[in-house]
Amino acid sequence: MSVIETTREIQDQVVEAVEATQDAVVEGVRNFTGRSDGPLVDLSSMPGIEEVPTAKEVVDNVFDFTTKIVEATRRFVTGLVDATAPLVRCGNEDEVGTTQDAG
């Protein structure tokens, strides 16, 4: 097994552990909220509340932005790796000046 295959296997295990923990937390919160007698706070009469985005809208906006930043950063780093490839030869490049597929 190659180093990258081993790394990906470990990364997959970490992601699975994170997701299992997150699922448990969501389930715990669902159980808690399912036992409540209704909203703890009613903000519907607060002036201007209709202008405030929903929690889901905020989350979607933040993750859309984060995705764009991660994609831009990946292009930047890949560009740097490609630009510096002619300076280093490790024997595992497809061609001098290009990097192997990171996907």
Protein backbone atom coordinates (compact mmCIF):
# COMPACT_ATOMS: atom_id res chain seq x y z
CA MET A 1 0.00 0.00 0.00
CA SER A 2 1.38 3.38 -0.99
CA VAL A 3 1.83 6.30 1.38
CA ILE A 4 -1.06 8.18 -0.23
CA GLU A 5 -3.33 5.11 0.03
CA THR A 6 -2.45 4.72 3.71
CA THR A 7 -3.04 8.44 4.27
CA ARG A 8 -6.44 8.28 2.56
CA GLU A 9 -7.42 5.24 4.60
CA ILE A 10 -6.57 7.07 7.82
CA GLN A 11 -8.40 10.20 6.59
CA ASP A 12 -11.48 8.10 5.83
CA GLN A 13 -11.38 6.66 9.35
CA VAL A 14 -11.11 10.15 10.85
CA VAL A 15 -14.06 11.37 8.75
CA GLU A 16 -16.13 8.35 9.82
CA ALA A 17 -15.33 9.03 13.48
CA VAL A 18 -16.21 12.73 13.14
CA GLU A 19 -19.48 11.90 11.37
CA ALA A 20 -20.42 9.30 14.00
CA THR A 21 -19.81 11.86 16.76
CA GLN A 22 -21.78 14.53 14.90
CA ASP A 23 -24.67 12.12 14.31
CA ALA A 24 -24.76 11.30 18.02
CA VAL A 25 -24.84 14.99 18.95
CA VAL A 26 -27.66 15.72 16.47
CA GLU A 27 -29.63 12.77 17.82
CA GLY A 28 -29.09 13.98 21.39
CA VAL A 29 -30.31 17.47 20.51
CA ARG A 30 -33.34 15.98 18.70
CA ASN A 31 -34.18 13.94 21.80
CA PHE A 32 -33.86 17.05 23.98
CA THR A 33 -35.97 19.27 21.74
CA GLY A 34 -38.55 16.53 21.31
CA ARG A 35 -39.16 16.67 25.06
CA SER A 36 -39.60 20.43 25.26
CA ASP A 37 -42.99 22.10 25.65
CA GLY A 38 -42.38 24.42 22.72
CA PRO A 39 -40.09 27.31 21.87
CA LEU A 40 -37.94 28.60 24.70
CA VAL A 41 -37.86 32.04 23.08
CA ASP A 42 -40.38 33.67 20.74
CA LEU A 43 -38.74 36.33 18.61
CA SER A 44 -41.61 36.72 16.15
CA SER A 45 -42.69 40.08 17.60
CA MET A 46 -39.19 41.54 17.64
CA PRO A 47 -38.96 44.59 15.33
CA GLY A 48 -37.08 43.82 12.12
CA ILE A 49 -37.02 40.06 12.69
CA GLU A 50 -38.31 39.48 9.15
CA GLU A 51 -35.04 40.96 7.84
CA VAL A 52 -32.90 38.51 9.79
CA PRO A 53 -31.86 35.46 7.75
CA THR A 54 -32.79 32.03 9.02
CA ALA A 55 -30.14 29.89 10.68
CA LYS A 56 -30.16 27.60 7.63
CA GLU A 57 -29.60 30.57 5.30
CA VAL A 58 -26.62 31.68 7.38
CA VAL A 59 -25.14 28.17 7.45
CA ASP A 60 -25.63 27.75 3.68
CA ASN A 61 -24.02 31.12 3.01
CA VAL A 62 -21.01 30.42 5.23
CA PHE A 63 -20.38 26.98 3.73
CA ASP A 64 -20.84 28.24 0.16
CA PHE A 65 -18.22 30.91 0.89
CA THR A 66 -15.92 28.41 2.60
CA THR A 67 -16.17 26.06 -0.40
CA LYS A 68 -15.15 28.89 -2.74
CA ILE A 69 -12.17 29.76 -0.54
CA VAL A 70 -11.04 26.12 -0.32
CA GLU A 71 -11.34 25.72 -4.11
CA ALA A 72 -9.38 28.94 -4.71
CA THR A 73 -6.72 27.85 -2.24
CA ARG A 74 -6.42 24.45 -3.91
CA ARG A 75 -5.93 26.12 -7.32
CA PHE A 76 -3.33 28.44 -5.78
CA VAL A 77 -1.36 25.65 -4.07
CA THR A 78 -1.56 23.41 -7.14
CA GLY A 79 -0.26 26.32 -9.20
CA LEU A 80 2.65 26.77 -6.79
CA VAL A 81 3.46 23.06 -6.92
CA ASP A 82 3.36 23.10 -10.71
CA ALA A 83 5.47 26.28 -10.86
CA THR A 84 8.16 24.83 -8.59
CA ALA A 85 8.13 21.28 -10.04
CA PRO A 86 11.00 21.97 -12.46
CA LEU A 87 13.22 22.72 -9.47
CA VAL A 88 12.78 19.32 -7.79
CA ARG A 89 12.89 15.83 -9.26
CA CYS A 90 11.69 13.00 -7.03
CA GLY A 91 11.09 10.40 -9.71
CA ASN A 92 7.34 10.17 -9.08
CA GLU A 93 6.15 13.00 -11.31
CA ASP A 94 4.24 12.30 -14.53
CA GLU A 95 6.45 14.81 -16.35
CA VAL A 96 8.83 17.53 -15.26
CA GLY A 97 6.73 20.60 -14.54
CA THR A 98 3.49 18.79 -13.70
CA THR A 99 2.26 17.14 -10.55
CA GLN A 100 0.47 13.84 -10.16
CA ASP A 101 -3.31 13.95 -9.83
CA ALA A 102 -4.10 14.81 -6.21
CA GLY A 103 -7.72 13.64 -6.55
